[in-house]
Amino acid sequence: MRVNVWETLAILLIGACTALAGCDRRPPRASPPGFADLPPVPGEREFGSPDAERLAWRERMEDVYKALGPDAHWKLKEERRVVFRMKDLPSEQQETLAEYVRGRHRRGWVESKVGRPPDLSRLSFAFWGSPGGTVTLAILDPRAPQSGGLQCAEIGGWPEEEAAESK
């Protein structure tokens, strides 16, 4: 039996290329039920009547949450918190989040933490929540990330399925 070195190398190269291309990987898992599209913030959790601007930002921040993908949605479900940075988002959502952070109610706090003009690459963000409550966006303090940071906006309710499971 004669082994052709070139044929063997070609087979190994094809195997390596398919592995690098992801052909041998499992498909990504789907978001847990209810966590890809969060339900609306429950009416009893609203402080006053939400105006059009607040509703528009809520929708845009939910798009930021969705862009994090299924792994982040699982982490939120399982750990009640998912931390991320600007670089973890597609460019469109980076721009949305940057615009939000520079808004009049947040700009002063952000500049006090990361300078002026704000170096947004130094910031971390979190979505957090718990059953029976809401999912909230926070900007974390770079010097004390466990402090909770600046609580910004409720972006949606906690999925009902999850709330029922925890009772």
Protein backbone atom coordinates (compact mmCIF):
# COMPACT_ATOMS: atom_id res chain seq x y z
CA MET A 1 0.00 0.00 0.00
CA ARG A 2 1.44 3.24 -1.11
CA VAL A 3 0.50 6.53 0.62
CA ASN A 4 0.50 9.67 -1.46
CA VAL A 5 1.76 12.49 0.74
CA TRP A 6 0.03 15.17 -1.36
CA GLU A 7 -3.37 13.46 -1.17
CA THR A 8 -3.01 13.07 2.59
CA LEU A 9 -2.07 16.74 3.00
CA ALA A 10 -5.00 17.80 0.80
CA ILE A 11 -7.44 15.80 2.95
CA LEU A 12 -6.01 17.30 6.13
CA LEU A 13 -6.18 20.81 4.64
CA ILE A 14 -9.83 20.36 3.64
CA GLY A 15 -10.63 19.14 7.17
CA ALA A 16 -8.87 22.12 8.73
CA CYS A 17 -10.65 24.58 6.42
CA THR A 18 -14.10 23.17 7.22
CA ALA A 19 -13.35 23.29 10.95
CA LEU A 20 -12.18 26.90 10.71
CA ALA A 21 -15.21 27.83 8.64
CA GLY A 22 -17.46 26.49 11.37
CA CYS A 23 -18.88 23.63 9.35
CA ASP A 24 -18.34 21.19 12.21
CA ARG A 25 -19.86 23.44 14.91
CA ARG A 26 -23.29 23.14 16.40
CA PRO A 27 -25.74 25.85 15.33
CA PRO A 28 -26.13 28.68 17.85
CA ARG A 29 -28.87 28.09 20.37
CA ALA A 30 -32.03 30.12 20.18
CA SER A 31 -32.99 32.69 22.78
CA PRO A 32 -34.95 31.33 25.75
CA PRO A 33 -38.73 31.68 25.34
CA GLY A 34 -39.86 35.26 25.85
CA PHE A 35 -36.36 36.73 26.01
CA ALA A 36 -35.77 37.62 22.36
CA ASP A 37 -38.77 39.97 22.32
CA LEU A 38 -39.48 41.25 25.80
CA PRO A 39 -43.06 41.99 26.80
CA PRO A 40 -44.01 45.62 27.43
CA VAL A 41 -43.25 47.26 30.77
CA PRO A 42 -46.26 46.47 33.01
CA GLY A 43 -48.53 49.47 33.51
CA GLU A 44 -48.15 49.38 37.30
CA ARG A 45 -44.35 49.79 36.85
CA GLU A 46 -44.70 53.03 34.85
CA PHE A 47 -43.97 56.28 36.63
CA GLY A 48 -46.62 58.51 35.18
CA SER A 49 -47.80 58.25 31.64
CA PRO A 50 -44.93 57.45 29.24
CA ASP A 51 -44.46 60.18 26.67
CA ALA A 52 -43.60 59.64 23.02
CA GLU A 53 -39.88 60.34 23.57
CA ARG A 54 -39.58 57.79 26.37
CA LEU A 55 -41.44 55.17 24.33
CA ALA A 56 -39.20 55.80 21.31
CA TRP A 57 -36.03 55.40 23.41
CA ARG A 58 -37.43 52.28 25.04
CA GLU A 59 -37.91 50.76 21.61
CA ARG A 60 -34.39 51.74 20.54
CA MET A 61 -32.86 50.32 23.73
CA GLU A 62 -34.78 47.09 23.19
CA ASP A 63 -33.11 46.90 19.76
CA VAL A 64 -29.74 47.23 21.53
CA TYR A 65 -30.75 44.37 23.83
CA LYS A 66 -31.87 42.22 20.88
CA ALA A 67 -28.57 42.85 19.07
CA LEU A 68 -26.65 41.18 21.91
CA GLY A 69 -28.10 37.87 20.75
CA PRO A 70 -29.21 34.57 22.27
CA ASP A 71 -26.16 33.98 24.48
CA ALA A 72 -26.80 37.30 26.26
CA HIS A 73 -30.52 36.52 26.52
CA TRP A 74 -29.67 33.19 28.19
CA LYS A 75 -27.29 34.95 30.55
CA LEU A 76 -29.99 37.45 31.53
CA LYS A 77 -32.45 34.62 32.15
CA GLU A 78 -30.03 32.49 34.15
CA GLU A 79 -27.97 35.11 36.00
CA ARG A 80 -30.49 38.01 35.99
CA ARG A 81 -27.82 40.29 34.54
CA VAL A 82 -25.80 40.60 31.34
CA VAL A 83 -22.86 43.00 31.12
CA PHE A 84 -21.60 44.26 27.76
CA ARG A 85 -19.47 46.94 26.13
CA MET A 86 -19.96 49.08 23.04
CA LYS A 87 -17.69 46.79 21.01
CA ASP A 88 -20.09 43.88 21.63
CA LEU A 89 -22.74 45.57 19.49
CA PRO A 90 -23.16 46.03 15.74
CA SER A 91 -22.32 49.55 14.57
CA GLU A 92 -25.96 50.68 14.26
CA GLN A 93 -26.68 49.79 17.89
CA GLN A 94 -23.36 51.32 18.98
CA GLU A 95 -24.50 54.61 17.48
CA THR A 96 -27.90 54.31 19.16
CA LEU A 97 -26.37 53.61 22.56
CA ALA A 98 -23.80 56.41 22.15
CA GLU A 99 -26.59 58.87 21.34
CA TYR A 100 -28.54 57.69 24.37
CA VAL A 101 -25.54 58.00 26.70
CA ARG A 102 -24.87 61.54 25.50
CA GLY A 103 -28.48 62.54 26.23
CA ARG A 104 -29.13 65.44 28.58
CA HIS A 105 -30.14 63.26 31.56
CA ARG A 106 -27.06 61.05 31.37
CA ARG A 107 -24.27 63.17 29.87
CA GLY A 108 -23.12 64.82 33.13
CA TRP A 109 -22.88 61.52 35.01
CA VAL A 110 -21.01 59.85 32.13
CA GLU A 111 -18.55 62.75 31.76
CA SER A 112 -17.84 62.66 35.50
CA LYS A 113 -16.82 59.01 35.12
CA VAL A 114 -14.91 58.92 31.81
CA GLY A 115 -13.98 62.51 31.01
CA ARG A 116 -15.00 65.11 28.49
CA PRO A 117 -15.61 64.38 25.69
CA PRO A 118 -16.72 61.02 27.07
CA ASP A 119 -14.56 58.03 26.16
CA LEU A 120 -17.42 55.57 25.66
CA SER A 121 -15.02 52.66 25.11
CA ARG A 122 -14.28 52.80 28.85
CA LEU A 123 -17.91 52.19 29.80
CA SER A 124 -19.67 48.93 30.49
CA PHE A 125 -23.41 48.52 30.41
CA ALA A 126 -25.80 46.01 31.91
CA PHE A 127 -29.30 44.79 31.34
CA TRP A 128 -30.69 43.33 34.53
CA GLY A 129 -34.00 42.20 35.92
CA SER A 130 -35.88 39.54 37.83
CA PRO A 131 -39.13 37.59 37.61
CA GLY A 132 -42.17 39.73 38.25
CA GLY A 133 -40.23 42.90 37.44
CA THR A 134 -38.77 44.58 34.41
CA VAL A 135 -35.57 44.50 32.38
CA THR A 136 -33.55 47.66 33.01
CA LEU A 137 -30.54 49.26 31.32
CA ALA A 138 -27.73 50.59 33.51
CA ILE A 139 -24.47 52.37 32.70
CA LEU A 140 -21.85 50.91 35.02
CA ASP A 141 -19.36 53.06 36.90
CA PRO A 142 -15.89 52.12 35.55
CA ARG A 143 -14.37 52.63 39.02
CA ALA A 144 -17.04 50.60 40.85
CA PRO A 145 -18.88 48.33 38.37
CA GLN A 146 -20.65 46.38 41.14
CA SER A 147 -22.23 49.58 42.52
CA GLY A 148 -25.12 49.39 40.07
CA GLY A 149 -24.08 52.51 38.20
CA LEU A 150 -26.63 54.82 36.67
CA GLN A 151 -30.03 53.15 36.29
CA CYS A 152 -31.33 54.44 33.00
CA ALA A 153 -34.48 52.93 31.60
CA GLU A 154 -36.82 50.02 31.83
CA ILE A 155 -36.87 48.52 28.36
CA GLY A 156 -39.41 45.74 28.85
CA GLY A 157 -41.14 43.45 31.25
CA TRP A 158 -39.75 40.18 32.52
CA PRO A 159 -41.28 37.36 30.46
CA GLU A 160 -44.42 35.97 32.14
CA GLU A 161 -43.35 32.36 31.65
CA GLU A 162 -40.29 33.02 33.79
CA ALA A 163 -42.28 34.85 36.45
CA ALA A 164 -44.68 31.89 36.76
CA GLU A 165 -41.77 29.40 37.04
CA SER A 166 -40.24 31.22 40.01
CA LYS A 167 -43.42 31.23 42.16
